[in-house]
C-alpha atoms as a PDB file:
ATOM      1  CA  MET A   1      63.576  16.154 150.327  1.00  0.00           C
ATOM      2  CA  GLN A   2      65.020  19.526 151.257  1.00  0.00           C
ATOM      3  CA  GLU A   3      65.592  20.318 154.924  1.00  0.00           C
ATOM      4  CA  PHE A   4      64.455  23.624 156.373  1.00  0.00           C
ATOM      5  CA  TYR A   5      65.530  25.285 159.584  1.00  0.00           C
ATOM      6  CA  SER A   6      63.978  27.962 161.762  1.00  0.00           C
ATOM      7  CA  VAL A   7      65.961  31.089 162.631  1.00  0.00           C
ATOM      8  CA  GLU A   8      66.553  29.576 166.075  1.00  0.00           C
ATOM      9  CA  ASP A   9      67.865  26.343 164.536  1.00  0.00           C
ATOM     10  CA  VAL A  10      70.338  28.242 162.341  1.00  0.00           C
ATOM     11  CA  ALA A  11      71.501  30.322 165.306  1.00  0.00           C
ATOM     12  CA  GLU A  12      72.172  27.130 167.284  1.00  0.00           C
ATOM     13  CA  LEU A  13      73.928  25.435 164.364  1.00  0.00           C
ATOM     14  CA  LEU A  14      76.225  28.387 163.727  1.00  0.00           C
ATOM     15  CA  GLY A  15      76.698  29.512 167.322  1.00  0.00           C
ATOM     16  CA  LEU A  16      75.131  32.900 166.624  1.00  0.00           C
ATOM     17  CA  HIS A  17      72.516  34.975 168.390  1.00  0.00           C
ATOM     18  CA  VAL A  18      69.009  34.715 166.950  1.00  0.00           C
ATOM     19  CA  LYS A  19      68.971  38.475 166.265  1.00  0.00           C
ATOM     20  CA  THR A  20      72.132  38.120 164.177  1.00  0.00           C
ATOM     21  CA  VAL A  21      70.517  35.452 161.995  1.00  0.00           C
ATOM     22  CA  ARG A  22      67.384  37.582 161.587  1.00  0.00           C
ATOM     23  CA  GLY A  23      69.622  40.479 160.551  1.00  0.00           C
ATOM     24  CA  TYR A  24      71.278  38.280 157.909  1.00  0.00           C
ATOM     25  CA  VAL A  25      67.836  37.413 156.553  1.00  0.00           C
ATOM     26  CA  ARG A  26      66.679  41.065 156.492  1.00  0.00           C
ATOM     27  CA  ASP A  27      69.937  42.182 154.841  1.00  0.00           C
ATOM     28  CA  GLY A  28      69.676  39.476 152.181  1.00  0.00           C
ATOM     29  CA  LYS A  29      72.845  37.686 153.304  1.00  0.00           C
ATOM     30  CA  LEU A  30      70.784  34.586 154.056  1.00  0.00           C
ATOM     31  CA  LYS A  31      67.831  33.641 151.853  1.00  0.00           C
ATOM     32  CA  ALA A  32      64.717  32.626 153.735  1.00  0.00           C
ATOM     33  CA  VAL A  33      61.047  32.012 153.099  1.00  0.00           C
ATOM     34  CA  ARG A  34      58.549  33.730 155.358  1.00  0.00           C
ATOM     35  CA  ILE A  35      55.708  31.499 156.512  1.00  0.00           C
ATOM     36  CA  GLY A  36      53.286  33.480 158.617  1.00  0.00           C
ATOM     37  CA  LYS A  37      55.412  35.329 161.153  1.00  0.00           C
ATOM     38  CA  GLN A  38      58.364  32.943 160.950  1.00  0.00           C
ATOM     39  CA  TYR A  39      61.217  32.382 158.541  1.00  0.00           C
ATOM     40  CA  ARG A  40      62.275  29.007 157.166  1.00  0.00           C
ATOM     41  CA  ILE A  41      65.793  28.635 155.810  1.00  0.00           C
ATOM     42  CA  ALA A  42      66.872  25.834 153.481  1.00  0.00           C
ATOM     43  CA  ARG A  43      69.911  23.809 154.464  1.00  0.00           C
ATOM     44  CA  ALA A  44      71.513  24.736 151.128  1.00  0.00           C
ATOM     45  CA  GLU A  45      71.209  28.440 152.011  1.00  0.00           C
ATOM     46  CA  VAL A  46      72.986  27.903 155.330  1.00  0.00           C
ATOM     47  CA  GLU A  47      75.741  26.028 153.518  1.00  0.00           C
ATOM     48  CA  ALA A  48      76.000  28.833 150.939  1.00  0.00           C
ATOM     49  CA  LEU A  49      76.374  31.386 153.737  1.00  0.00           C
ATOM     50  CA  THR A  50      79.072  29.464 155.593  1.00  0.00           C
ATOM     51  CA  GLY A  51      80.786  27.873 152.614  1.00  0.00           C
ATOM     52  CA  THR A  52      80.798  24.534 154.409  1.00  0.00           C
ATOM     53  CA  PRO A  53      78.329  21.711 154.939  1.00  0.00           C
ATOM     54  CA  THR A  54      76.017  22.258 157.888  1.00  0.00           C
ATOM     55  CA  PRO A  55      76.303  19.940 160.882  1.00  0.00           C
ATOM     56  CA  ALA A  56      74.171  16.830 160.949  1.00  0.00           C
ATOM     57  CA  PRO A  57      70.448  17.559 161.160  1.00  0.00           C
ATOM     58  CA  ALA A  58      68.357  17.053 164.272  1.00  0.00           C
ATOM     59  CA  GLY A  59      68.006  13.403 165.155  1.00  0.00           C
ATOM     60  CA  ALA A  60      71.695  12.737 164.568  1.00  0.00           C
ATOM     61  CA  VAL A  61      74.123  11.933 167.354  1.00  0.00           C
ATOM     62  CA  ARG A  62      74.036  14.608 170.029  1.00  0.00           C
ATOM     63  CA  ALA A  63      75.116  14.964 173.612  1.00  0.00           C
ATOM     64  CA  GLU A  64      73.188  16.097 176.645  1.00  0.00           C
ATOM     65  CA  VAL A  65      74.406  16.574 180.156  1.00  0.00           C
ATOM     66  CA  SER A  66      72.670  16.864 183.498  1.00  0.00           C
ATOM     67  CA  ALA A  67      73.879  18.497 186.669  1.00  0.00           C
ATOM     68  CA  VAL A  68      72.593  18.962 190.184  1.00  0.00           C
ATOM     69  CA  VAL A  69      73.852  21.976 192.131  1.00  0.00           C
ATOM     70  CA  GLN A  70      73.089  22.462 195.800  1.00  0.00           C
ATOM     71  CA  VAL A  71      73.562  25.894 197.350  1.00  0.00           C
ATOM     72  CA  GLU A  72      73.669  25.866 201.160  1.00  0.00           C
ATOM     73  CA  GLY A  73      73.043  28.703 203.605  1.00  0.00           C
ATOM     74  CA  VAL A  74      70.779  30.806 201.426  1.00  0.00           C
ATOM     75  CA  ASP A  75      67.804  32.635 202.950  1.00  0.00           C
ATOM     76  CA  ARG A  76      64.419  32.857 201.256  1.00  0.00           C
ATOM     77  CA  ALA A  77      65.000  36.294 199.683  1.00  0.00           C
ATOM     78  CA  GLY A  78      68.424  35.258 198.422  1.00  0.00           C
ATOM     79  CA  ALA A  79      67.002  32.032 197.009  1.00  0.00           C
ATOM     80  CA  ASP A  80      64.248  33.959 195.226  1.00  0.00           C
ATOM     81  CA  ARG A  81      66.795  36.311 193.623  1.00  0.00           C
ATOM     82  CA  LEU A  82      69.045  33.411 192.611  1.00  0.00           C
ATOM     83  CA  VAL A  83      66.202  31.399 191.105  1.00  0.00           C
ATOM     84  CA  THR A  84      64.895  34.409 189.180  1.00  0.00           C
ATOM     85  CA  ALA A  85      68.322  35.171 187.701  1.00  0.00           C
ATOM     86  CA  VAL A  86      69.102  31.566 186.761  1.00  0.00           C
ATOM     87  CA  LEU A  87      65.684  30.867 185.220  1.00  0.00           C
ATOM     88  CA  ALA A  88      65.782  34.116 183.235  1.00  0.00           C
ATOM     89  CA  ALA A  89      69.217  33.285 181.825  1.00  0.00           C
ATOM     90  CA  ALA A  90      68.200  29.708 181.073  1.00  0.00           C
ATOM     91  CA  GLY A  91      65.123  30.971 179.224  1.00  0.00           C
ATOM     92  CA  ALA A  92      67.287  33.238 177.093  1.00  0.00           C
ATOM     93  CA  TRP A  93      69.733  30.404 176.337  1.00  0.00           C
ATOM     94  CA  SER A  94      67.200  27.692 175.577  1.00  0.00           C
ATOM     95  CA  GLY A  95      66.159  28.734 172.057  1.00  0.00           C
ATOM     96  CA  GLY A  96      66.821  26.433 169.158  1.00  0.00           C
ATOM     97  CA  PRO A  97      66.327  22.742 168.598  1.00  0.00           C
ATOM     98  CA  ARG A  98      67.978  21.699 171.867  1.00  0.00           C
ATOM     99  CA  PRO A  99      66.246  23.307 174.826  1.00  0.00           C
ATOM    100  CA  LEU A 100      67.754  23.842 178.242  1.00  0.00           C
ATOM    101  CA  TRP A 101      65.726  22.590 181.204  1.00  0.00           C
ATOM    102  CA  VAL A 102      66.224  24.011 184.706  1.00  0.00           C
ATOM    103  CA  GLN A 103      64.314  23.115 187.867  1.00  0.00           C
ATOM    104  CA  ALA A 104      64.844  24.825 191.242  1.00  0.00           C
ATOM    105  CA  VAL A 105      63.809  23.336 194.586  1.00  0.00           C
ATOM    106  CA  ARG A 106      64.040  25.208 197.902  1.00  0.00           C
ATOM    107  CA  GLU A 107      64.536  23.212 201.111  1.00  0.00           C
ATOM    108  CA  GLU A 108      63.349  25.734 203.671  1.00  0.00           C
ATOM    109  CA  GLU A 109      64.225  23.710 206.766  1.00  0.00           C
ATOM    110  CA  ARG A 110      67.842  23.193 205.604  1.00  0.00           C
ATOM    111  CA  GLY A 111      68.337  26.658 204.124  1.00  0.00           C
ATOM    112  CA  ALA A 112      69.330  25.016 200.869  1.00  0.00           C
ATOM    113  CA  LEU A 113      68.493  25.529 197.236  1.00  0.00           C
ATOM    114  CA  ARG A 114      68.934  22.810 194.622  1.00  0.00           C
ATOM    115  CA  PHE A 115      69.082  23.300 190.848  1.00  0.00           C
ATOM    116  CA  VAL A 116      68.665  20.440 188.383  1.00  0.00           C
ATOM    117  CA  VAL A 117      69.894  21.347 184.890  1.00  0.00           C
ATOM    118  CA  LEU A 118      69.564  19.288 181.690  1.00  0.00           C
ATOM    119  CA  GLY A 119      70.564  20.235 178.147  1.00  0.00           C
ATOM    120  CA  PRO A 120      73.431  20.709 175.710  1.00  0.00           C
ATOM    121  CA  PRO A 121      76.828  20.567 177.461  1.00  0.00           C
ATOM    122  CA  ARG A 122      77.826  24.147 176.618  1.00  0.00           C
ATOM    123  CA  ARG A 123      74.539  25.611 177.883  1.00  0.00           C
ATOM    124  CA  VAL A 124      74.568  23.537 181.074  1.00  0.00           C
ATOM    125  CA  GLY A 125      78.123  24.781 181.611  1.00  0.00           C
ATOM    126  CA  ASP A 126      76.895  28.347 181.148  1.00  0.00           C
ATOM    127  CA  VAL A 127      74.283  27.805 183.873  1.00  0.00           C
ATOM    128  CA  LEU A 128      76.871  26.307 186.230  1.00  0.00           C
ATOM    129  CA  VAL A 129      79.211  29.276 185.718  1.00  0.00           C
ATOM    130  CA  LEU A 130      76.330  31.686 186.312  1.00  0.00           C
ATOM    131  CA  ILE A 131      75.365  29.961 189.573  1.00  0.00           C
ATOM    132  CA  GLU A 132      78.994  30.047 190.693  1.00  0.00           C
ATOM    133  CA  GLU A 133      79.265  33.767 189.900  1.00  0.00           C
ATOM    134  CA  LEU A 134      75.979  34.608 191.604  1.00  0.00           C
ATOM    135  CA  THR A 135      76.942  32.731 194.772  1.00  0.00           C
ATOM    136  CA  GLY A 136      80.407  34.254 194.920  1.00  0.00           C
ATOM    137  CA  GLY A 137      82.108  30.980 194.009  1.00  0.00           C
ATOM    138  CA  GLY A 138      80.683  29.310 197.070  1.00  0.00           C
ATOM    139  CA  ILE A 139      79.661  26.142 195.292  1.00  0.00           C
END
């Protein structure tokens, strides 16, 4: 049975942006079948594009990481801005077969904000770096 990937799956497998993969499909560099409004790409086509076997399909060994980050001394407006920025970035990074999950909890009485992050190690690392940058390295 032949395996098929979505554009998002191929982007995740190859470490590319989804728009780049769509561009490859439109330009004919990557053969795909259109089903409704979505493309499906055969594993063999991905291998033909890269010249190497694709990584193991979904369901194979994979790593996930979780992290809890607590930011102290943040007022309500600052917490709202921080949560908005982190959730927007996480939403942009969570495409593909391995989603990124982020939860934010505000502790009003302590002036603290806590993020719980779960997902692929690289993406969780991206969220941690973003939080550090947004808080001025204060974590």
